[in-house]
């Protein structure tokens, strides 16, 4: 069973920055893909960014150019550096991961961390 724990959320002013962290544990293997999703009140959960163990990244258009996703494969830890934050970035941010999607592994999710951007 893989455990996923997010940290780093908080409240910031518009234009500010935050760095989210996600740590996955419970598997001796390098996790193939890790990603960040977010869900704002009254809206569906959406993909923010994802990264594979090989370093391939994918970003939502809404955060492209303002956010950078990275990871430490040895620690199965992932980071999301978010800059120039906007009020519309306010949401609960969830980390998810899958050790091997093509091998039938399930997706594992964290409990989420709140990000609030407000003046």
C-alpha atoms as a PDB file:
ATOM      1  CA  UNK A   1       0.000   0.000   0.000  1.00  0.00           C
ATOM      2  CA  UNK A   2       1.408   3.363  -1.047  1.00  0.00           C
ATOM      3  CA  UNK A   3       0.925   6.321   1.271  1.00  0.00           C
ATOM      4  CA  UNK A   4       0.891   9.847  -0.132  1.00  0.00           C
ATOM      5  CA  UNK A   5       1.333  12.956   2.010  1.00  0.00           C
ATOM      6  CA  UNK A   6       1.223  16.560   0.801  1.00  0.00           C
ATOM      7  CA  UNK A   7       2.619  19.606   2.578  1.00  0.00           C
ATOM      8  CA  UNK A   8       3.398  23.253   1.910  1.00  0.00           C
ATOM      9  CA  UNK A   9      -0.025  24.787   1.436  1.00  0.00           C
ATOM     10  CA  UNK A  10      -1.013  28.059   3.008  1.00  0.00           C
ATOM     11  CA  UNK A  11      -2.305  31.568   2.457  1.00  0.00           C
ATOM     12  CA  UNK A  12      -0.478  34.041   0.261  1.00  0.00           C
ATOM     13  CA  UNK A  13      -1.091  37.415  -1.334  1.00  0.00           C
ATOM     14  CA  UNK A  14      -1.696  37.643  -5.083  1.00  0.00           C
ATOM     15  CA  UNK A  15       1.650  37.599  -6.843  1.00  0.00           C
ATOM     16  CA  UNK A  16       3.207  35.492  -4.109  1.00  0.00           C
ATOM     17  CA  UNK A  17       4.803  32.053  -4.261  1.00  0.00           C
ATOM     18  CA  UNK A  18       4.375  28.684  -2.622  1.00  0.00           C
ATOM     19  CA  UNK A  19       6.203  25.381  -2.844  1.00  0.00           C
ATOM     20  CA  UNK A  20       4.160  22.243  -2.387  1.00  0.00           C
ATOM     21  CA  UNK A  21       5.750  18.919  -1.516  1.00  0.00           C
ATOM     22  CA  UNK A  22       4.462  15.383  -1.902  1.00  0.00           C
ATOM     23  CA  UNK A  23       6.078  12.313  -0.391  1.00  0.00           C
ATOM     24  CA  UNK A  24       5.091   8.790  -1.407  1.00  0.00           C
ATOM     25  CA  UNK A  25       6.088   5.819   0.739  1.00  0.00           C
ATOM     26  CA  UNK A  26       5.318   2.130   1.087  1.00  0.00           C
ATOM     27  CA  UNK A  27       6.959   0.843  -2.076  1.00  0.00           C
ATOM     28  CA  UNK A  28      10.599  -0.076  -2.707  1.00  0.00           C
ATOM     29  CA  UNK A  29      10.235   0.848  -6.361  1.00  0.00           C
ATOM     30  CA  UNK A  30      10.605   4.187  -8.088  1.00  0.00           C
ATOM     31  CA  UNK A  31       7.129   5.505  -8.794  1.00  0.00           C
ATOM     32  CA  UNK A  32       6.595   6.023 -12.509  1.00  0.00           C
ATOM     33  CA  UNK A  33       4.276   9.014 -12.523  1.00  0.00           C
ATOM     34  CA  UNK A  34       3.373  11.613  -9.915  1.00  0.00           C
ATOM     35  CA  UNK A  35       1.013  14.525 -10.340  1.00  0.00           C
ATOM     36  CA  UNK A  36      -0.747  17.481  -8.783  1.00  0.00           C
ATOM     37  CA  UNK A  37      -4.449  18.082  -9.109  1.00  0.00           C
ATOM     38  CA  UNK A  38      -6.596  20.803  -7.578  1.00  0.00           C
ATOM     39  CA  UNK A  39     -10.226  21.307  -6.742  1.00  0.00           C
ATOM     40  CA  UNK A  40     -11.782  24.677  -6.107  1.00  0.00           C
ATOM     41  CA  UNK A  41     -15.163  25.021  -4.354  1.00  0.00           C
ATOM     42  CA  UNK A  42     -17.972  24.105  -6.713  1.00  0.00           C
ATOM     43  CA  UNK A  43     -15.619  22.943  -9.454  1.00  0.00           C
ATOM     44  CA  UNK A  44     -14.346  19.616 -10.696  1.00  0.00           C
ATOM     45  CA  UNK A  45     -10.910  18.373  -9.788  1.00  0.00           C
ATOM     46  CA  UNK A  46      -8.406  19.233 -12.508  1.00  0.00           C
ATOM     47  CA  UNK A  47      -4.860  18.260 -13.393  1.00  0.00           C
ATOM     48  CA  UNK A  48      -2.276  20.930 -12.588  1.00  0.00           C
ATOM     49  CA  UNK A  49       0.929  19.183 -13.562  1.00  0.00           C
ATOM     50  CA  UNK A  50       2.507  15.757 -13.736  1.00  0.00           C
ATOM     51  CA  UNK A  51       5.988  14.288 -14.024  1.00  0.00           C
ATOM     52  CA  UNK A  52       7.351  10.849 -14.850  1.00  0.00           C
ATOM     53  CA  UNK A  53      10.402   9.183 -13.371  1.00  0.00           C
ATOM     54  CA  UNK A  54      12.168  10.006 -16.640  1.00  0.00           C
ATOM     55  CA  UNK A  55      11.499  13.698 -16.172  1.00  0.00           C
ATOM     56  CA  UNK A  56       8.739  14.205 -18.733  1.00  0.00           C
ATOM     57  CA  UNK A  57       6.392  16.939 -17.573  1.00  0.00           C
ATOM     58  CA  UNK A  58       2.901  18.095 -18.407  1.00  0.00           C
ATOM     59  CA  UNK A  59       1.244  21.333 -17.276  1.00  0.00           C
ATOM     60  CA  UNK A  60      -2.260  22.733 -17.412  1.00  0.00           C
ATOM     61  CA  UNK A  61      -2.438  25.860 -19.540  1.00  0.00           C
ATOM     62  CA  UNK A  62      -3.656  27.802 -16.510  1.00  0.00           C
ATOM     63  CA  UNK A  63      -0.341  27.331 -14.655  1.00  0.00           C
ATOM     64  CA  UNK A  64       2.117  27.005 -17.548  1.00  0.00           C
ATOM     65  CA  UNK A  65       4.925  29.536 -17.199  1.00  0.00           C
ATOM     66  CA  UNK A  66       4.127  30.181 -13.531  1.00  0.00           C
ATOM     67  CA  UNK A  67       4.741  26.744 -12.057  1.00  0.00           C
ATOM     68  CA  UNK A  68       7.540  24.206 -12.088  1.00  0.00           C
ATOM     69  CA  UNK A  69       7.153  20.554 -11.165  1.00  0.00           C
ATOM     70  CA  UNK A  70      10.147  18.501 -10.095  1.00  0.00           C
ATOM     71  CA  UNK A  71      10.927  15.303  -8.241  1.00  0.00           C
ATOM     72  CA  UNK A  72      13.560  13.329  -6.385  1.00  0.00           C
ATOM     73  CA  UNK A  73      13.239   9.776  -7.679  1.00  0.00           C
ATOM     74  CA  UNK A  74      15.415   8.311  -4.945  1.00  0.00           C
ATOM     75  CA  UNK A  75      13.013   9.645  -2.329  1.00  0.00           C
ATOM     76  CA  UNK A  76       9.771   9.312  -4.332  1.00  0.00           C
ATOM     77  CA  UNK A  77       9.184  12.956  -3.524  1.00  0.00           C
ATOM     78  CA  UNK A  78       7.692  15.582  -5.816  1.00  0.00           C
ATOM     79  CA  UNK A  79       7.545  19.354  -5.643  1.00  0.00           C
ATOM     80  CA  UNK A  80       5.445  22.082  -7.230  1.00  0.00           C
ATOM     81  CA  UNK A  81       6.882  25.585  -7.198  1.00  0.00           C
ATOM     82  CA  UNK A  82       4.092  28.058  -7.885  1.00  0.00           C
ATOM     83  CA  UNK A  83       4.876  31.699  -8.619  1.00  0.00           C
ATOM     84  CA  UNK A  84       2.795  34.753  -9.510  1.00  0.00           C
ATOM     85  CA  UNK A  85      -0.148  33.202  -7.728  1.00  0.00           C
ATOM     86  CA  UNK A  86      -3.629  34.421  -8.576  1.00  0.00           C
ATOM     87  CA  UNK A  87      -6.890  34.277  -6.606  1.00  0.00           C
ATOM     88  CA  UNK A  88      -8.126  31.690  -9.103  1.00  0.00           C
ATOM     89  CA  UNK A  89      -5.342  29.365  -7.947  1.00  0.00           C
ATOM     90  CA  UNK A  90      -7.197  29.010  -4.655  1.00  0.00           C
ATOM     91  CA  UNK A  91      -8.078  25.339  -4.211  1.00  0.00           C
ATOM     92  CA  UNK A  92      -7.265  22.161  -2.366  1.00  0.00           C
ATOM     93  CA  UNK A  93      -4.225  20.659  -4.047  1.00  0.00           C
ATOM     94  CA  UNK A  94      -3.953  16.885  -4.195  1.00  0.00           C
ATOM     95  CA  UNK A  95      -0.972  14.733  -5.011  1.00  0.00           C
ATOM     96  CA  UNK A  96      -1.451  11.434  -6.774  1.00  0.00           C
ATOM     97  CA  UNK A  97       0.890   8.769  -8.035  1.00  0.00           C
ATOM     98  CA  UNK A  98       1.026   5.443  -9.785  1.00  0.00           C
ATOM     99  CA  UNK A  99       4.027   3.114  -9.571  1.00  0.00           C
ATOM    100  CA  UNK A 100       3.217   1.455 -12.895  1.00  0.00           C
ATOM    101  CA  UNK A 101       0.008   2.403 -14.749  1.00  0.00           C
ATOM    102  CA  UNK A 102       0.635  -0.075 -17.577  1.00  0.00           C
ATOM    103  CA  UNK A 103       1.107  -2.847 -15.021  1.00  0.00           C
ATOM    104  CA  UNK A 104      -2.347  -2.403 -13.560  1.00  0.00           C
ATOM    105  CA  UNK A 105      -1.342  -0.572 -10.414  1.00  0.00           C
ATOM    106  CA  UNK A 106      -4.006   1.691  -8.898  1.00  0.00           C
ATOM    107  CA  UNK A 107      -3.702   5.438  -8.453  1.00  0.00           C
ATOM    108  CA  UNK A 108      -2.956   6.615  -4.919  1.00  0.00           C
ATOM    109  CA  UNK A 109      -4.102   9.976  -3.597  1.00  0.00           C
ATOM    110  CA  UNK A 110      -3.135  12.184  -0.697  1.00  0.00           C
ATOM    111  CA  UNK A 111      -5.548  14.015   1.589  1.00  0.00           C
ATOM    112  CA  UNK A 112      -4.864  17.405   0.025  1.00  0.00           C
ATOM    113  CA  UNK A 113      -3.396  20.700   1.146  1.00  0.00           C
ATOM    114  CA  UNK A 114      -5.237  24.031   1.019  1.00  0.00           C
ATOM    115  CA  UNK A 115      -3.834  26.911  -1.028  1.00  0.00           C
ATOM    116  CA  UNK A 116      -5.530  30.274  -0.581  1.00  0.00           C
ATOM    117  CA  UNK A 117      -4.567  33.325  -2.633  1.00  0.00           C
ATOM    118  CA  UNK A 118      -6.246  36.437  -1.364  1.00  0.00           C
ATOM    119  CA  UNK A 119      -5.556  40.044  -0.501  1.00  0.00           C
END
